[in-house]
């Protein structure tokens, strides 16, 4: 069963992505792009996330250590309960930012198993 997606209203994109970037900085993430009717392709695989930023709603820049992925003309920004993002542009292409460890930030206690 897929995770439920919550849409973020456009006026909240900047503050949402600012907080999202702080909470997920350095998490290993992958980017998948899917055009309508086409198989998804991977643009980045398990790279440390630096930030996700808007450019006055003309674009969204996903920054990693060692490179960036840009989404032009974003129409919709969604987040699921595990913190994965989905950005849909006006052409219908969907860009998914998925984390290697898909746990909500509040569910992590900050301790590695060996530290318990």
C-alpha atoms as a PDB file:
ATOM      1  CA  UNK A   1       0.000   0.000   0.000  1.00  0.00           C
ATOM      2  CA  UNK A   2       1.594   3.331  -1.020  1.00  0.00           C
ATOM      3  CA  UNK A   3       2.248   6.023   1.561  1.00  0.00           C
ATOM      4  CA  UNK A   4      -0.316   8.805   1.748  1.00  0.00           C
ATOM      5  CA  UNK A   5       0.891  12.040   0.175  1.00  0.00           C
ATOM      6  CA  UNK A   6       0.088  15.447   1.654  1.00  0.00           C
ATOM      7  CA  UNK A   7       0.148  18.424  -0.709  1.00  0.00           C
ATOM      8  CA  UNK A   8       2.030  21.526   0.411  1.00  0.00           C
ATOM      9  CA  UNK A   9       0.319  24.782  -0.698  1.00  0.00           C
ATOM     10  CA  UNK A  10       2.504  27.007  -2.914  1.00  0.00           C
ATOM     11  CA  UNK A  11       2.717  29.889  -0.386  1.00  0.00           C
ATOM     12  CA  UNK A  12       4.217  27.435   2.140  1.00  0.00           C
ATOM     13  CA  UNK A  13       6.881  25.970  -0.172  1.00  0.00           C
ATOM     14  CA  UNK A  14       9.741  28.208   1.030  1.00  0.00           C
ATOM     15  CA  UNK A  15       9.281  27.694   4.790  1.00  0.00           C
ATOM     16  CA  UNK A  16       8.420  24.002   4.346  1.00  0.00           C
ATOM     17  CA  UNK A  17      11.514  23.302   2.224  1.00  0.00           C
ATOM     18  CA  UNK A  18      13.732  25.326   4.561  1.00  0.00           C
ATOM     19  CA  UNK A  19      12.659  23.181   7.520  1.00  0.00           C
ATOM     20  CA  UNK A  20      12.724  20.001   5.403  1.00  0.00           C
ATOM     21  CA  UNK A  21      16.320  20.755   4.344  1.00  0.00           C
ATOM     22  CA  UNK A  22      17.451  21.302   7.943  1.00  0.00           C
ATOM     23  CA  UNK A  23      15.792  18.056   9.116  1.00  0.00           C
ATOM     24  CA  UNK A  24      17.159  15.906   6.267  1.00  0.00           C
ATOM     25  CA  UNK A  25      20.613  17.419   5.682  1.00  0.00           C
ATOM     26  CA  UNK A  26      23.175  14.694   4.839  1.00  0.00           C
ATOM     27  CA  UNK A  27      20.564  11.919   4.631  1.00  0.00           C
ATOM     28  CA  UNK A  28      21.237   9.536   1.754  1.00  0.00           C
ATOM     29  CA  UNK A  29      18.653  10.162  -0.950  1.00  0.00           C
ATOM     30  CA  UNK A  30      17.847   9.121  -4.495  1.00  0.00           C
ATOM     31  CA  UNK A  31      16.030  11.009  -7.244  1.00  0.00           C
ATOM     32  CA  UNK A  32      13.707   9.275  -9.676  1.00  0.00           C
ATOM     33  CA  UNK A  33      12.030  11.033 -12.638  1.00  0.00           C
ATOM     34  CA  UNK A  34       8.938   9.672 -14.361  1.00  0.00           C
ATOM     35  CA  UNK A  35       7.305  11.170 -17.449  1.00  0.00           C
ATOM     36  CA  UNK A  36       3.663  10.183 -18.001  1.00  0.00           C
ATOM     37  CA  UNK A  37       3.591   6.817 -19.779  1.00  0.00           C
ATOM     38  CA  UNK A  38       7.357   6.243 -19.496  1.00  0.00           C
ATOM     39  CA  UNK A  39       9.483   4.129 -17.186  1.00  0.00           C
ATOM     40  CA  UNK A  40      11.113   6.042 -14.315  1.00  0.00           C
ATOM     41  CA  UNK A  41      14.809   6.857 -14.520  1.00  0.00           C
ATOM     42  CA  UNK A  42      17.227   7.478 -11.658  1.00  0.00           C
ATOM     43  CA  UNK A  43      18.973  10.884 -11.705  1.00  0.00           C
ATOM     44  CA  UNK A  44      20.843  10.418  -8.414  1.00  0.00           C
ATOM     45  CA  UNK A  45      21.374   7.355  -6.244  1.00  0.00           C
ATOM     46  CA  UNK A  46      22.005   7.438  -2.489  1.00  0.00           C
ATOM     47  CA  UNK A  47      23.778  10.782  -2.340  1.00  0.00           C
ATOM     48  CA  UNK A  48      23.956  12.988   0.777  1.00  0.00           C
ATOM     49  CA  UNK A  49      21.289  15.695   0.591  1.00  0.00           C
ATOM     50  CA  UNK A  50      22.417  19.297   1.077  1.00  0.00           C
ATOM     51  CA  UNK A  51      19.139  21.202   0.574  1.00  0.00           C
ATOM     52  CA  UNK A  52      15.920  21.586  -1.374  1.00  0.00           C
ATOM     53  CA  UNK A  53      15.144  25.188  -2.370  1.00  0.00           C
ATOM     54  CA  UNK A  54      12.614  27.105  -4.440  1.00  0.00           C
ATOM     55  CA  UNK A  55      13.406  29.795  -6.955  1.00  0.00           C
ATOM     56  CA  UNK A  56      10.268  31.995  -6.740  1.00  0.00           C
ATOM     57  CA  UNK A  57       8.236  28.970  -7.952  1.00  0.00           C
ATOM     58  CA  UNK A  58      10.082  29.017 -11.294  1.00  0.00           C
ATOM     59  CA  UNK A  59      11.969  25.952 -10.202  1.00  0.00           C
ATOM     60  CA  UNK A  60      12.990  23.729  -7.326  1.00  0.00           C
ATOM     61  CA  UNK A  61      16.649  22.850  -6.862  1.00  0.00           C
ATOM     62  CA  UNK A  62      17.572  19.626  -5.054  1.00  0.00           C
ATOM     63  CA  UNK A  63      21.203  19.949  -3.990  1.00  0.00           C
ATOM     64  CA  UNK A  64      23.440  17.029  -3.166  1.00  0.00           C
ATOM     65  CA  UNK A  65      27.081  16.747  -2.341  1.00  0.00           C
ATOM     66  CA  UNK A  66      28.607  16.578  -5.803  1.00  0.00           C
ATOM     67  CA  UNK A  67      25.682  17.824  -7.916  1.00  0.00           C
ATOM     68  CA  UNK A  68      22.173  19.214  -8.249  1.00  0.00           C
ATOM     69  CA  UNK A  69      18.868  18.167  -9.782  1.00  0.00           C
ATOM     70  CA  UNK A  70      16.506  20.916 -10.946  1.00  0.00           C
ATOM     71  CA  UNK A  71      12.750  20.740 -11.521  1.00  0.00           C
ATOM     72  CA  UNK A  72      11.534  23.473 -13.872  1.00  0.00           C
ATOM     73  CA  UNK A  73       8.015  24.922 -13.587  1.00  0.00           C
ATOM     74  CA  UNK A  74       6.875  22.935 -10.540  1.00  0.00           C
ATOM     75  CA  UNK A  75       3.122  22.677 -10.133  1.00  0.00           C
ATOM     76  CA  UNK A  76       2.701  20.476  -7.058  1.00  0.00           C
ATOM     77  CA  UNK A  77       4.837  19.623  -4.033  1.00  0.00           C
ATOM     78  CA  UNK A  78       3.850  16.641  -1.905  1.00  0.00           C
ATOM     79  CA  UNK A  79       5.375  14.873   1.086  1.00  0.00           C
ATOM     80  CA  UNK A  80       4.516  11.455   2.486  1.00  0.00           C
ATOM     81  CA  UNK A  81       4.509  10.309   6.095  1.00  0.00           C
ATOM     82  CA  UNK A  82       8.113   9.063   5.829  1.00  0.00           C
ATOM     83  CA  UNK A  83       9.433  12.407   4.532  1.00  0.00           C
ATOM     84  CA  UNK A  84       9.846  11.454   0.875  1.00  0.00           C
ATOM     85  CA  UNK A  85       9.041  14.291  -1.551  1.00  0.00           C
ATOM     86  CA  UNK A  86       7.265  14.291  -4.882  1.00  0.00           C
ATOM     87  CA  UNK A  87       7.390  17.300  -7.211  1.00  0.00           C
ATOM     88  CA  UNK A  88       5.157  17.396 -10.267  1.00  0.00           C
ATOM     89  CA  UNK A  89       5.774  19.906 -13.048  1.00  0.00           C
ATOM     90  CA  UNK A  90       3.279  21.360 -15.503  1.00  0.00           C
ATOM     91  CA  UNK A  91       4.127  18.720 -18.149  1.00  0.00           C
ATOM     92  CA  UNK A  92       3.083  15.932 -15.762  1.00  0.00           C
ATOM     93  CA  UNK A  93       6.620  14.724 -15.006  1.00  0.00           C
ATOM     94  CA  UNK A  94       7.051  13.572 -11.410  1.00  0.00           C
ATOM     95  CA  UNK A  95      10.339  13.824  -9.575  1.00  0.00           C
ATOM     96  CA  UNK A  96      10.589  11.746  -6.416  1.00  0.00           C
ATOM     97  CA  UNK A  97      13.142  12.318  -3.690  1.00  0.00           C
ATOM     98  CA  UNK A  98      13.371   9.120  -1.647  1.00  0.00           C
ATOM     99  CA  UNK A  99      15.497   8.510   1.401  1.00  0.00           C
ATOM    100  CA  UNK A 100      17.500   5.371   2.010  1.00  0.00           C
ATOM    101  CA  UNK A 101      16.195   5.206   5.568  1.00  0.00           C
ATOM    102  CA  UNK A 102      12.543   6.150   5.280  1.00  0.00           C
ATOM    103  CA  UNK A 103      11.703   7.098   8.854  1.00  0.00           C
ATOM    104  CA  UNK A 104       9.849  10.211   9.924  1.00  0.00           C
ATOM    105  CA  UNK A 105      12.319  12.653  11.529  1.00  0.00           C
ATOM    106  CA  UNK A 106      10.390  12.563  14.833  1.00  0.00           C
ATOM    107  CA  UNK A 107      10.683   8.763  14.985  1.00  0.00           C
ATOM    108  CA  UNK A 108      14.483   8.798  15.106  1.00  0.00           C
ATOM    109  CA  UNK A 109      16.026   8.886  18.583  1.00  0.00           C
ATOM    110  CA  UNK A 110      19.519   9.866  17.443  1.00  0.00           C
ATOM    111  CA  UNK A 111      21.135   6.671  18.744  1.00  0.00           C
ATOM    112  CA  UNK A 112      22.790   4.069  16.614  1.00  0.00           C
ATOM    113  CA  UNK A 113      21.967   0.438  17.558  1.00  0.00           C
ATOM    114  CA  UNK A 114      25.478  -0.014  19.016  1.00  0.00           C
ATOM    115  CA  UNK A 115      24.957   3.004  21.328  1.00  0.00           C
ATOM    116  CA  UNK A 116      21.899   1.543  23.104  1.00  0.00           C
END
